[in-house]
């Protein structure tokens, strides 16, 4: 019997040693599994954020590209409202040409207003504010051209000043758009 007790007690201590070795391994395996799950979740969240940033970047980029084209169209239309040199198509009176130019400026201006307001939630607030300033300037210019006294030198001087303001404002918008695109691009690539 004594031998049996020794064998049983030897078997019991070996089993305890195996259990003591297996339990930490199982705990480590569960911990490793849990960490891998957390890493996968974080990767998924990161990929989701990158997708959202990329989608935002793509949307804003398209808006800025379209807005910039409208600004160029608007500058050209406003420039034609008070031409400093040669004027209009052959066979048209000054009034006919001015009416066409005013209609064109109003059409392009309305397109810019619609584009600006329709996309307001999708682009930078500073760009929107600058666009609003350009729109105010354009509206004032169209009214001045329609009702101003062309026979006075001040009319032409104010037209030049308006063009200078329009160019300066469009340059500010250009810079704000560049900064915004750079910032979004940095956020997307990080």
N, C-alpha and C. Protein backbone atom coordinates (compact mmCIF):
# COMPACT_ATOMS: atom_id res chain seq x y z
N UNK A 1 0.77 -1.18 0.00
CA UNK A 1 0.00 0.00 0.00
C UNK A 1 0.83 1.26 0.00
N UNK A 2 1.89 1.17 0.65
CA UNK A 2 2.76 2.32 0.71
C UNK A 2 3.25 2.68 -0.67
N UNK A 3 3.55 1.67 -1.45
CA UNK A 3 4.00 1.93 -2.82
C UNK A 3 2.90 2.60 -3.64
N UNK A 4 1.68 2.16 -3.43
CA UNK A 4 0.57 2.75 -4.17
C UNK A 4 0.39 4.21 -3.81
N UNK A 5 0.55 4.52 -2.55
CA UNK A 5 0.42 5.92 -2.13
C UNK A 5 1.50 6.78 -2.75
N UNK A 6 2.68 6.22 -2.81
CA UNK A 6 3.77 6.96 -3.42
C UNK A 6 3.49 7.22 -4.89
N UNK A 7 2.99 6.23 -5.59
CA UNK A 7 2.69 6.38 -7.01
C UNK A 7 1.57 7.39 -7.19
N UNK A 8 0.53 7.27 -6.35
CA UNK A 8 -0.57 8.21 -6.45
C UNK A 8 -0.12 9.62 -6.13
N UNK A 9 0.68 9.74 -5.11
CA UNK A 9 1.12 11.08 -4.76
C UNK A 9 2.07 11.63 -5.82
N UNK A 10 2.89 10.78 -6.43
CA UNK A 10 3.75 11.23 -7.52
C UNK A 10 2.91 11.65 -8.70
N UNK A 11 1.90 10.89 -9.03
CA UNK A 11 1.01 11.21 -10.13
C UNK A 11 0.26 12.50 -9.86
N UNK A 12 -0.11 12.70 -8.65
CA UNK A 12 -0.85 13.90 -8.27
C UNK A 12 0.03 15.14 -8.39
N UNK A 13 1.27 15.07 -7.99
CA UNK A 13 2.14 16.23 -8.08
C UNK A 13 2.52 16.52 -9.53
N UNK A 14 2.65 15.51 -10.35
CA UNK A 14 2.91 15.74 -11.78
C UNK A 14 1.69 16.39 -12.43
N UNK A 15 0.51 15.94 -12.04
CA UNK A 15 -0.72 16.52 -12.58
C UNK A 15 -0.83 17.97 -12.14
N UNK A 16 -0.45 18.27 -10.92
CA UNK A 16 -0.48 19.66 -10.44
C UNK A 16 0.50 20.51 -11.23
N UNK A 17 1.65 19.97 -11.50
CA UNK A 17 2.65 20.70 -12.29
C UNK A 17 2.17 20.96 -13.70
N UNK A 18 1.52 19.99 -14.28
CA UNK A 18 0.98 20.17 -15.62
C UNK A 18 -0.12 21.22 -15.60
N UNK A 19 -1.00 21.16 -14.62
CA UNK A 19 -2.09 22.14 -14.50
C UNK A 19 -1.51 23.53 -14.29
N UNK A 20 -0.50 23.64 -13.44
CA UNK A 20 0.13 24.94 -13.18
C UNK A 20 0.76 25.47 -14.47
N UNK A 21 1.26 24.63 -15.32
CA UNK A 21 1.85 25.05 -16.59
C UNK A 21 0.78 25.36 -17.62
N UNK A 22 -0.29 24.59 -17.68
CA UNK A 22 -1.33 24.76 -18.69
C UNK A 22 -2.19 26.00 -18.42
N UNK A 23 -2.53 26.26 -17.18
CA UNK A 23 -3.42 27.38 -16.85
C UNK A 23 -2.83 28.71 -17.34
N UNK A 24 -1.59 29.05 -17.04
CA UNK A 24 -1.06 30.33 -17.59
C UNK A 24 -1.05 30.34 -19.12
N UNK A 25 -0.78 29.20 -19.72
CA UNK A 25 -0.76 29.14 -21.19
C UNK A 25 -2.16 29.43 -21.74
N UNK A 26 -3.17 28.87 -21.10
CA UNK A 26 -4.56 29.10 -21.53
C UNK A 26 -4.92 30.57 -21.32
N UNK A 27 -4.54 31.10 -20.17
CA UNK A 27 -4.82 32.52 -19.89
C UNK A 27 -4.13 33.40 -20.91
N UNK A 28 -2.87 33.13 -21.22
CA UNK A 28 -2.13 33.90 -22.24
C UNK A 28 -2.78 33.77 -23.61
N UNK A 29 -3.26 32.58 -23.93
CA UNK A 29 -3.92 32.37 -25.23
C UNK A 29 -5.19 33.22 -25.31
N UNK A 30 -5.99 33.23 -24.24
CA UNK A 30 -7.21 34.06 -24.23
C UNK A 30 -6.85 35.55 -24.29
N UNK A 31 -5.83 35.93 -23.55
CA UNK A 31 -5.40 37.33 -23.54
C UNK A 31 -4.93 37.74 -24.94
N UNK A 32 -4.14 36.87 -25.59
CA UNK A 32 -3.66 37.12 -26.95
C UNK A 32 -4.83 37.22 -27.92
N UNK A 33 -5.80 36.32 -27.79
CA UNK A 33 -6.99 36.35 -28.63
C UNK A 33 -7.75 37.67 -28.43
N UNK A 34 -7.90 38.07 -27.18
CA UNK A 34 -8.61 39.32 -26.86
C UNK A 34 -7.87 40.52 -27.45
N UNK A 35 -6.56 40.55 -27.32
CA UNK A 35 -5.77 41.65 -27.90
C UNK A 35 -5.90 41.69 -29.42
N UNK A 36 -5.84 40.55 -30.05
CA UNK A 36 -5.99 40.49 -31.51
C UNK A 36 -7.36 41.01 -31.94
N UNK A 37 -8.40 40.68 -31.17
CA UNK A 37 -9.74 41.19 -31.47
C UNK A 37 -9.77 42.71 -31.35
N UNK A 38 -9.14 43.24 -30.30
CA UNK A 38 -9.10 44.69 -30.10
C UNK A 38 -8.32 45.36 -31.24
N UNK A 39 -7.22 44.76 -31.64
CA UNK A 39 -6.42 45.30 -32.75
C UNK A 39 -7.25 45.31 -34.03
N UNK A 40 -7.95 44.23 -34.31
CA UNK A 40 -8.80 44.17 -35.50
C UNK A 40 -9.90 45.22 -35.46
N UNK A 41 -10.50 45.42 -34.29
CA UNK A 41 -11.54 46.45 -34.13
C UNK A 41 -10.96 47.83 -34.38
N UNK A 42 -9.79 48.10 -33.81
CA UNK A 42 -9.14 49.40 -34.03
C UNK A 42 -8.77 49.60 -35.50
N UNK A 43 -8.29 48.56 -36.15
CA UNK A 43 -7.97 48.65 -37.59
C UNK A 43 -9.23 48.97 -38.38
N UNK A 44 -10.32 48.29 -38.05
CA UNK A 44 -11.59 48.52 -38.75
C UNK A 44 -12.06 49.95 -38.55
N UNK A 45 -11.99 50.44 -37.31
CA UNK A 45 -12.40 51.82 -37.02
C UNK A 45 -11.50 52.80 -37.77
N UNK A 46 -10.21 52.53 -37.80
CA UNK A 46 -9.28 53.40 -38.53
C UNK A 46 -9.59 53.41 -40.02
N UNK A 47 -9.88 52.25 -40.59
CA UNK A 47 -10.22 52.18 -42.00
C UNK A 47 -11.53 52.91 -42.28
N UNK A 48 -12.46 52.83 -41.35
CA UNK A 48 -13.73 53.53 -41.49
C UNK A 48 -13.49 55.05 -41.49
N UNK A 49 -12.65 55.52 -40.57
CA UNK A 49 -12.34 56.94 -40.51
C UNK A 49 -11.62 57.41 -41.77
N UNK A 50 -10.70 56.61 -42.27
CA UNK A 50 -10.00 56.96 -43.50
C UNK A 50 -11.00 57.05 -44.66
N UNK A 51 -11.92 56.12 -44.71
CA UNK A 51 -12.94 56.14 -45.77
C UNK A 51 -13.79 57.41 -45.67
N UNK A 52 -14.21 57.76 -44.45
CA UNK A 52 -15.02 58.97 -44.27
C UNK A 52 -14.22 60.20 -44.69
N UNK A 53 -12.95 60.28 -44.27
CA UNK A 53 -12.11 61.42 -44.66
C UNK A 53 -11.92 61.48 -46.17
N UNK A 54 -11.70 60.33 -46.78
CA UNK A 54 -11.51 60.31 -48.24
C UNK A 54 -12.79 60.74 -48.95
N UNK A 55 -13.92 60.26 -48.47
CA UNK A 55 -15.19 60.65 -49.07
C UNK A 55 -15.40 62.16 -48.93
N UNK A 56 -15.11 62.69 -47.75
CA UNK A 56 -15.22 64.13 -47.51
C UNK A 56 -14.27 64.89 -48.45
N UNK A 57 -13.04 64.41 -48.56
CA UNK A 57 -12.06 65.06 -49.42
C UNK A 57 -12.55 65.07 -50.87
N UNK A 58 -13.03 63.92 -51.34
CA UNK A 58 -13.50 63.83 -52.73
C UNK A 58 -14.66 64.78 -52.98
N UNK A 59 -15.60 64.82 -52.06
CA UNK A 59 -16.78 65.69 -52.20
C UNK A 59 -16.35 67.16 -52.21
N UNK A 60 -15.53 67.55 -51.25
CA UNK A 60 -15.08 68.94 -51.19
C UNK A 60 -14.27 69.30 -52.44
N UNK A 61 -13.43 68.41 -52.87
CA UNK A 61 -12.59 68.70 -54.03
C UNK A 61 -13.45 68.99 -55.26
N UNK A 62 -14.47 68.18 -55.47
CA UNK A 62 -15.37 68.40 -56.62
C UNK A 62 -16.08 69.75 -56.48
N UNK A 63 -16.54 70.05 -55.28
CA UNK A 63 -17.22 71.34 -55.05
C UNK A 63 -16.25 72.48 -55.34
N UNK A 64 -15.05 72.40 -54.80
CA UNK A 64 -14.09 73.49 -55.00
C UNK A 64 -13.72 73.66 -56.47
N UNK A 65 -13.59 72.57 -57.16
CA UNK A 65 -13.27 72.63 -58.59
C UNK A 65 -14.40 73.34 -59.35
N UNK A 66 -15.64 72.98 -59.04
CA UNK A 66 -16.80 73.58 -59.70
C UNK A 66 -16.95 75.05 -59.31
N UNK A 67 -16.80 75.35 -58.03
CA UNK A 67 -16.91 76.72 -57.55
C UNK A 67 -15.84 77.59 -58.21
N UNK A 68 -14.62 77.09 -58.30
CA UNK A 68 -13.55 77.89 -58.88
C UNK A 68 -13.86 78.22 -60.35
N UNK A 69 -14.39 77.27 -61.08
CA UNK A 69 -14.76 77.54 -62.48
C UNK A 69 -15.83 78.62 -62.55
N UNK A 70 -16.80 78.56 -61.65
CA UNK A 70 -17.85 79.59 -61.63
C UNK A 70 -17.28 80.96 -61.26
N UNK A 71 -16.31 80.98 -60.38
CA UNK A 71 -15.68 82.25 -60.02
C UNK A 71 -14.98 82.85 -61.23
N UNK A 72 -14.28 82.02 -61.99
CA UNK A 72 -13.61 82.50 -63.22
C UNK A 72 -14.66 83.03 -64.20
N UNK A 73 -15.73 82.26 -64.39
CA UNK A 73 -16.82 82.71 -65.28
C UNK A 73 -17.39 84.04 -64.79
N UNK A 74 -17.54 84.16 -63.48
CA UNK A 74 -18.11 85.38 -62.90
C UNK A 74 -17.18 86.56 -63.10
N UNK A 75 -15.90 86.36 -62.87
CA UNK A 75 -14.95 87.46 -63.08
C UNK A 75 -15.01 87.95 -64.52
N UNK A 76 -15.08 87.03 -65.45
CA UNK A 76 -15.15 87.41 -66.87
C UNK A 76 -16.45 88.16 -67.16
N UNK A 77 -17.55 87.68 -66.61
CA UNK A 77 -18.84 88.33 -66.86
C UNK A 77 -18.87 89.73 -66.24
N UNK A 78 -18.32 89.88 -65.05
CA UNK A 78 -18.30 91.19 -64.41
C UNK A 78 -17.36 92.13 -65.16
N UNK A 79 -16.26 91.61 -65.63
CA UNK A 79 -15.33 92.44 -66.41
C UNK A 79 -16.02 93.01 -67.65
N UNK A 80 -16.87 92.22 -68.26
CA UNK A 80 -17.57 92.66 -69.47
C UNK A 80 -18.65 93.71 -69.18
N UNK A 81 -18.99 93.90 -67.92
CA UNK A 81 -20.03 94.89 -67.59
C UNK A 81 -19.55 96.33 -67.78
N UNK A 82 -18.27 96.56 -67.54
CA UNK A 82 -17.71 97.90 -67.72
C UNK A 82 -16.40 97.79 -68.49
N UNK A 83 -16.50 97.44 -69.75
CA UNK A 83 -15.28 97.26 -70.53
C UNK A 83 -14.52 98.58 -70.70
N UNK A 84 -13.21 98.51 -70.56
CA UNK A 84 -12.39 99.70 -70.67
C UNK A 84 -11.98 99.97 -72.12
N UNK A 85 -11.92 98.94 -72.92
CA UNK A 85 -11.49 99.09 -74.31
C UNK A 85 -12.57 98.55 -75.23
N UNK A 86 -12.25 98.28 -76.49
CA UNK A 86 -13.21 97.82 -77.49
C UNK A 86 -14.40 97.10 -76.89
N UNK A 87 -15.53 97.23 -77.55
CA UNK A 87 -16.73 96.75 -76.91
C UNK A 87 -17.67 96.04 -77.87
N UNK A 88 -18.06 94.86 -77.49
CA UNK A 88 -19.20 94.20 -78.10
C UNK A 88 -19.04 93.65 -79.50
N UNK A 89 -20.13 93.05 -79.92
CA UNK A 89 -20.21 92.45 -81.24
C UNK A 89 -20.56 93.52 -82.28
N UNK A 90 -20.07 93.31 -83.48
CA UNK A 90 -20.39 94.22 -84.58
C UNK A 90 -21.88 94.12 -84.88
N UNK A 91 -22.49 95.27 -85.11
CA UNK A 91 -23.91 95.29 -85.45
C UNK A 91 -24.83 95.42 -84.24
N UNK A 92 -24.29 95.46 -83.04
CA UNK A 92 -25.12 95.62 -81.85
C UNK A 92 -24.87 97.00 -81.26
N UNK A 93 -25.93 97.59 -80.77
CA UNK A 93 -25.78 98.88 -80.11
C UNK A 93 -25.17 98.65 -78.73
N UNK A 94 -24.70 99.74 -78.16
CA UNK A 94 -24.12 99.68 -76.82
C UNK A 94 -25.15 99.12 -75.84
N UNK A 95 -26.36 99.59 -75.91
CA UNK A 95 -27.42 99.13 -75.00
C UNK A 95 -27.72 97.65 -75.18
N UNK A 96 -27.78 97.19 -76.43
CA UNK A 96 -28.03 95.77 -76.69
C UNK A 96 -26.91 94.91 -76.08
N UNK A 97 -25.70 95.35 -76.29
CA UNK A 97 -24.56 94.59 -75.76
C UNK A 97 -24.56 94.62 -74.22
N UNK A 98 -24.86 95.78 -73.64
CA UNK A 98 -24.90 95.88 -72.18
C UNK A 98 -26.00 95.00 -71.61
N UNK A 99 -27.15 94.97 -72.24
CA UNK A 99 -28.24 94.11 -71.77
C UNK A 99 -27.82 92.64 -71.79
N UNK A 100 -27.15 92.23 -72.86
CA UNK A 100 -26.65 90.85 -72.94
C UNK A 100 -25.63 90.58 -71.85
N UNK A 101 -24.73 91.52 -71.63
CA UNK A 101 -23.69 91.33 -70.61
C UNK A 101 -24.30 91.26 -69.21
N UNK A 102 -25.29 92.10 -68.95
CA UNK A 102 -25.95 92.08 -67.65
C UNK A 102 -26.68 90.75 -67.47
N UNK A 103 -27.39 90.29 -68.49
CA UNK A 103 -28.09 89.00 -68.40
C UNK A 103 -27.10 87.87 -68.13
N UNK A 104 -25.97 87.91 -68.83
CA UNK A 104 -24.95 86.88 -68.63
C UNK A 104 -24.41 86.93 -67.20
N UNK A 105 -24.13 88.13 -66.71
CA UNK A 105 -23.62 88.26 -65.34
C UNK A 105 -24.64 87.76 -64.32
N UNK A 106 -25.90 88.08 -64.56
CA UNK A 106 -26.96 87.63 -63.65
C UNK A 106 -27.07 86.10 -63.69
N UNK A 107 -27.02 85.53 -64.89
CA UNK A 107 -27.11 84.07 -65.02
C UNK A 107 -25.95 83.38 -64.31
N UNK A 108 -24.75 83.83 -64.59
CA UNK A 108 -23.57 83.22 -63.95
C UNK A 108 -23.59 83.47 -62.44
N UNK A 109 -24.01 84.67 -62.04
CA UNK A 109 -24.11 84.98 -60.62
C UNK A 109 -25.11 84.07 -59.91
N UNK A 110 -26.25 83.85 -60.54
CA UNK A 110 -27.25 82.95 -59.95
C UNK A 110 -26.73 81.52 -59.87
N UNK A 111 -25.98 81.09 -60.87
CA UNK A 111 -25.38 79.75 -60.82
C UNK A 111 -24.40 79.65 -59.66
N UNK A 112 -23.61 80.70 -59.45
CA UNK A 112 -22.66 80.71 -58.34
C UNK A 112 -23.40 80.70 -56.99
N UNK A 113 -24.46 81.48 -56.89
CA UNK A 113 -25.26 81.52 -55.66
C UNK A 113 -25.85 80.13 -55.38
N UNK A 114 -26.45 79.53 -56.38
CA UNK A 114 -27.06 78.20 -56.22
C UNK A 114 -26.01 77.17 -55.80
N UNK A 115 -24.89 77.18 -56.47
CA UNK A 115 -23.80 76.24 -56.16
C UNK A 115 -23.29 76.46 -54.74
N UNK A 116 -23.14 77.71 -54.35
CA UNK A 116 -22.65 78.05 -53.02
C UNK A 116 -23.62 77.58 -51.94
N UNK A 117 -24.88 77.89 -52.11
CA UNK A 117 -25.88 77.55 -51.09
C UNK A 117 -26.21 76.05 -51.07
N UNK A 118 -26.29 75.45 -52.23
CA UNK A 118 -26.64 74.03 -52.32
C UNK A 118 -25.59 73.15 -51.64
N UNK A 119 -24.34 73.57 -51.70
CA UNK A 119 -23.25 72.75 -51.15
C UNK A 119 -22.71 73.26 -49.82
N UNK A 120 -23.36 74.24 -49.25
CA UNK A 120 -22.88 74.88 -48.01
C UNK A 120 -22.46 73.88 -46.92
N UNK A 121 -23.23 72.83 -46.65
CA UNK A 121 -22.82 71.93 -45.56
C UNK A 121 -21.59 71.08 -45.89
N UNK A 122 -21.18 71.05 -47.13
CA UNK A 122 -20.16 70.10 -47.55
C UNK A 122 -18.77 70.68 -47.74
N UNK A 123 -18.60 71.95 -47.43
CA UNK A 123 -17.26 72.51 -47.55
C UNK A 123 -16.99 73.50 -46.43
N UNK A 124 -15.77 73.96 -46.38
CA UNK A 124 -15.26 74.76 -45.28
C UNK A 124 -16.02 76.08 -45.10
N UNK A 125 -16.30 76.43 -43.86
CA UNK A 125 -17.04 77.65 -43.51
C UNK A 125 -16.32 78.91 -44.00
N UNK A 126 -15.00 78.95 -43.89
CA UNK A 126 -14.26 80.14 -44.34
C UNK A 126 -14.39 80.35 -45.84
N UNK A 127 -14.40 79.29 -46.59
CA UNK A 127 -14.60 79.40 -48.04
C UNK A 127 -16.01 79.92 -48.31
N UNK A 128 -16.98 79.40 -47.59
CA UNK A 128 -18.36 79.87 -47.76
C UNK A 128 -18.48 81.36 -47.47
N UNK A 129 -17.87 81.81 -46.39
CA UNK A 129 -17.95 83.24 -46.03
C UNK A 129 -17.32 84.11 -47.12
N UNK A 130 -16.21 83.69 -47.67
CA UNK A 130 -15.57 84.46 -48.73
C UNK A 130 -16.43 84.45 -50.00
N UNK A 131 -17.04 83.32 -50.30
CA UNK A 131 -17.95 83.25 -51.44
C UNK A 131 -19.14 84.19 -51.25
N UNK A 132 -19.63 84.27 -50.04
CA UNK A 132 -20.74 85.18 -49.74
C UNK A 132 -20.35 86.63 -50.00
N UNK A 133 -19.12 86.97 -49.68
CA UNK A 133 -18.62 88.33 -49.93
C UNK A 133 -18.54 88.61 -51.44
N UNK A 134 -18.07 87.63 -52.19
CA UNK A 134 -18.01 87.81 -53.65
C UNK A 134 -19.41 87.99 -54.22
N UNK A 135 -20.35 87.22 -53.73
CA UNK A 135 -21.73 87.31 -54.23
C UNK A 135 -22.31 88.70 -53.95
N UNK A 136 -22.06 89.23 -52.75
CA UNK A 136 -22.52 90.60 -52.43
C UNK A 136 -21.90 91.61 -53.38
N UNK A 137 -20.63 91.46 -53.63
CA UNK A 137 -19.91 92.37 -54.53
C UNK A 137 -20.49 92.31 -55.95
N UNK A 138 -20.77 91.12 -56.41
CA UNK A 138 -21.32 90.94 -57.76
C UNK A 138 -22.72 91.55 -57.86
N UNK A 139 -23.54 91.30 -56.86
CA UNK A 139 -24.89 91.87 -56.86
C UNK A 139 -24.82 93.39 -56.93
N UNK A 140 -23.96 93.99 -56.13
CA UNK A 140 -23.82 95.45 -56.12
C UNK A 140 -23.34 95.96 -57.47
N UNK A 141 -22.44 95.22 -58.09
CA UNK A 141 -21.91 95.64 -59.40
C UNK A 141 -22.99 95.59 -60.47
N UNK A 142 -23.79 94.55 -60.48
CA UNK A 142 -24.86 94.44 -61.47
C UNK A 142 -25.84 95.59 -61.31
N UNK A 143 -26.19 95.90 -60.08
CA UNK A 143 -27.12 97.02 -59.83
C UNK A 143 -26.49 98.34 -60.28
N UNK A 144 -25.23 98.54 -59.97
CA UNK A 144 -24.54 99.78 -60.36
C UNK A 144 -24.48 99.92 -61.88
N UNK A 145 -24.21 98.83 -62.55
CA UNK A 145 -24.12 98.89 -64.02
C UNK A 145 -25.51 99.19 -64.61
N UNK A 146 -26.54 98.62 -64.03
CA UNK A 146 -27.88 98.84 -64.56
C UNK A 146 -28.38 100.26 -64.31
N UNK A 147 -28.01 100.83 -63.19
CA UNK A 147 -28.60 102.12 -62.81
C UNK A 147 -27.60 103.26 -62.65
N UNK A 148 -26.31 102.98 -62.80
CA UNK A 148 -25.30 104.01 -62.64
C UNK A 148 -25.23 104.94 -63.85
N UNK A 149 -24.61 106.07 -63.65
CA UNK A 149 -24.46 107.07 -64.71
C UNK A 149 -23.13 106.85 -65.43
N UNK A 150 -23.20 106.27 -66.63
CA UNK A 150 -22.00 105.92 -67.40
C UNK A 150 -21.25 107.15 -67.92
N UNK A 151 -21.91 108.29 -67.87
CA UNK A 151 -21.27 109.50 -68.42
C UNK A 151 -20.28 110.12 -67.43
N UNK A 152 -20.26 109.64 -66.21
CA UNK A 152 -19.36 110.21 -65.20
C UNK A 152 -18.13 109.32 -65.05
N UNK A 153 -17.03 109.98 -64.81
CA UNK A 153 -15.76 109.26 -64.63
C UNK A 153 -15.77 108.35 -63.42
N UNK A 154 -16.53 108.73 -62.40
CA UNK A 154 -16.62 107.93 -61.19
C UNK A 154 -17.19 106.54 -61.48
N UNK A 155 -18.11 106.46 -62.41
CA UNK A 155 -18.72 105.18 -62.80
C UNK A 155 -17.62 104.20 -63.24
N UNK A 156 -16.70 104.68 -64.06
CA UNK A 156 -15.63 103.83 -64.57
C UNK A 156 -14.59 103.54 -63.49
N UNK A 157 -14.33 104.52 -62.65
CA UNK A 157 -13.38 104.31 -61.55
C UNK A 157 -13.91 103.25 -60.59
N UNK A 158 -15.20 103.35 -60.27
CA UNK A 158 -15.81 102.35 -59.37
C UNK A 158 -15.79 100.96 -60.00
N UNK A 159 -15.98 100.91 -61.30
CA UNK A 159 -15.90 99.61 -61.99
C UNK A 159 -14.52 98.99 -61.85
N UNK A 160 -13.49 99.81 -61.97
CA UNK A 160 -12.11 99.32 -61.80
C UNK A 160 -11.89 98.85 -60.36
N UNK A 161 -12.39 99.62 -59.41
CA UNK A 161 -12.26 99.24 -58.00
C UNK A 161 -12.99 97.92 -57.71
N UNK A 162 -14.16 97.77 -58.30
CA UNK A 162 -14.92 96.53 -58.11
C UNK A 162 -14.13 95.34 -58.67
N UNK A 163 -13.55 95.52 -59.84
CA UNK A 163 -12.76 94.42 -60.43
C UNK A 163 -11.56 94.10 -59.54
N UNK A 164 -10.91 95.11 -59.01
CA UNK A 164 -9.78 94.88 -58.10
C UNK A 164 -10.23 94.10 -56.87
N UNK A 165 -11.38 94.48 -56.30
CA UNK A 165 -11.92 93.77 -55.13
C UNK A 165 -12.29 92.33 -55.49
N UNK A 166 -12.88 92.17 -56.66
CA UNK A 166 -13.29 90.83 -57.11
C UNK A 166 -12.07 89.93 -57.30
N UNK A 167 -11.04 90.46 -57.90
CA UNK A 167 -9.81 89.68 -58.09
C UNK A 167 -9.17 89.36 -56.74
N UNK A 168 -9.10 90.34 -55.84
CA UNK A 168 -8.52 90.10 -54.51
C UNK A 168 -9.34 89.05 -53.75
N UNK A 169 -10.65 89.16 -53.82
CA UNK A 169 -11.50 88.21 -53.12
C UNK A 169 -11.37 86.80 -53.71
N UNK A 170 -11.31 86.72 -55.02
CA UNK A 170 -11.16 85.38 -55.64
C UNK A 170 -9.78 84.81 -55.31
N UNK A 171 -8.77 85.66 -55.19
CA UNK A 171 -7.44 85.17 -54.77
C UNK A 171 -7.48 84.64 -53.34
N UNK A 172 -8.24 85.30 -52.46
CA UNK A 172 -8.39 84.81 -51.09
C UNK A 172 -9.10 83.46 -51.07
N UNK A 173 -10.14 83.34 -51.89
CA UNK A 173 -10.85 82.06 -51.96
C UNK A 173 -9.90 80.98 -52.47
N UNK A 174 -9.14 81.30 -53.48
CA UNK A 174 -8.17 80.34 -54.02
C UNK A 174 -7.23 79.86 -52.92
N UNK A 175 -6.72 80.78 -52.12
CA UNK A 175 -5.79 80.41 -51.05
C UNK A 175 -6.49 79.59 -49.98
N UNK A 176 -7.71 79.94 -49.62
CA UNK A 176 -8.46 79.17 -48.61
C UNK A 176 -8.75 77.75 -49.12
N UNK A 177 -9.08 77.64 -50.39
CA UNK A 177 -9.33 76.32 -50.97
C UNK A 177 -8.04 75.49 -50.94
N UNK A 178 -6.93 76.10 -51.32
CA UNK A 178 -5.65 75.37 -51.27
C UNK A 178 -5.33 74.89 -49.86
N UNK A 179 -5.48 75.77 -48.89
CA UNK A 179 -5.21 75.40 -47.50
C UNK A 179 -6.12 74.27 -47.05
N UNK A 180 -7.39 74.37 -47.38
CA UNK A 180 -8.34 73.34 -46.97
C UNK A 180 -8.00 72.00 -47.60
N UNK A 181 -7.68 72.00 -48.87
CA UNK A 181 -7.32 70.74 -49.55
C UNK A 181 -6.07 70.14 -48.93
N UNK A 182 -5.09 70.98 -48.63
CA UNK A 182 -3.87 70.48 -47.98
C UNK A 182 -4.19 69.88 -46.61
N UNK A 183 -5.04 70.56 -45.84
CA UNK A 183 -5.39 70.05 -44.51
C UNK A 183 -6.16 68.74 -44.59
N UNK A 184 -7.11 68.66 -45.50
CA UNK A 184 -7.88 67.42 -45.65
C UNK A 184 -6.95 66.31 -46.13
N UNK A 185 -6.08 66.62 -47.06
CA UNK A 185 -5.15 65.62 -47.58
C UNK A 185 -4.23 65.11 -46.47
N UNK A 186 -3.77 65.98 -45.59
CA UNK A 186 -2.93 65.55 -44.46
C UNK A 186 -3.71 64.62 -43.54
N UNK A 187 -4.99 64.99 -43.25
CA UNK A 187 -5.82 64.15 -42.39
C UNK A 187 -6.06 62.78 -43.00
N UNK A 188 -6.22 62.73 -44.31
CA UNK A 188 -6.50 61.47 -45.00
C UNK A 188 -5.27 60.57 -45.03
N UNK A 189 -4.10 61.16 -45.18
CA UNK A 189 -2.89 60.34 -45.30
C UNK A 189 -2.31 59.95 -43.95
N UNK A 190 -2.72 60.59 -42.88
CA UNK A 190 -2.17 60.25 -41.55
C UNK A 190 -2.88 59.09 -40.96
